[in-house]
Amino acid sequence: MNGYVKKVFVNEGQMIQKETSLLILEAMEMQHELCALVSCRVANVYA
């Protein structure tokens, strides 16, 4: 299923906690929120 990144909530180098919202992916008019599985630092954002 094709989709696109609708909104990015994090920046490169940002420290995030477990379950922080990373981005919203939209496909077929449905939105899917992707969350961090672990606490970490964001290395790169390509969107």
Protein backbone atom coordinates (compact mmCIF):
# COMPACT_ATOMS: atom_id res chain seq x y z
CA MET A 1 0.00 0.00 0.00
CA ASN A 2 1.49 3.34 -1.03
CA GLY A 3 1.40 6.27 1.34
CA TYR A 4 3.12 9.50 2.20
CA VAL A 5 4.48 11.24 5.27
CA LYS A 6 1.92 13.83 6.28
CA LYS A 7 3.67 15.34 9.34
CA VAL A 8 7.01 14.82 11.11
CA PHE A 9 7.12 15.56 14.85
CA VAL A 10 10.88 15.13 15.53
CA ASN A 11 14.12 16.78 14.42
CA GLU A 12 17.62 15.43 13.82
CA GLY A 13 19.61 15.15 17.04
CA GLN A 14 16.52 15.32 19.25
CA MET A 15 16.35 13.04 22.30
CA ILE A 16 13.03 11.20 22.43
CA GLN A 17 11.36 8.99 25.00
CA LYS A 18 9.71 5.62 24.43
CA GLU A 19 6.27 5.96 22.76
CA THR A 20 6.97 9.50 21.47
CA SER A 21 5.07 10.24 18.25
CA LEU A 22 7.54 10.36 15.34
CA LEU A 23 5.35 10.99 12.30
CA ILE A 24 1.98 10.49 10.66
CA LEU A 25 1.81 8.30 7.57
CA GLU A 26 -1.28 8.63 5.37
CA ALA A 27 -2.44 5.91 2.98
CA MET A 28 -5.85 5.45 1.37
CA GLU A 29 -7.21 8.39 3.43
CA MET A 30 -6.28 6.62 6.69
CA GLN A 31 -3.69 8.10 9.04
CA HIS A 32 -1.20 5.93 10.94
CA GLU A 33 0.86 7.36 13.79
CA LEU A 34 4.34 5.87 14.16
CA CYS A 35 5.85 5.93 17.65
CA ALA A 36 9.30 5.21 19.07
CA LEU A 37 9.79 1.72 20.48
CA VAL A 38 12.66 2.83 22.75
CA SER A 39 14.17 6.03 24.15
CA CYS A 40 16.92 7.28 21.84
CA ARG A 41 18.42 10.16 19.85
CA VAL A 42 17.10 10.81 16.32
CA ALA A 43 20.05 10.33 13.93
CA ASN A 44 18.54 11.43 10.59
CA VAL A 45 15.23 12.69 9.21
CA TYR A 46 14.81 12.14 5.46
CA ALA A 47 11.18 13.19 5.02
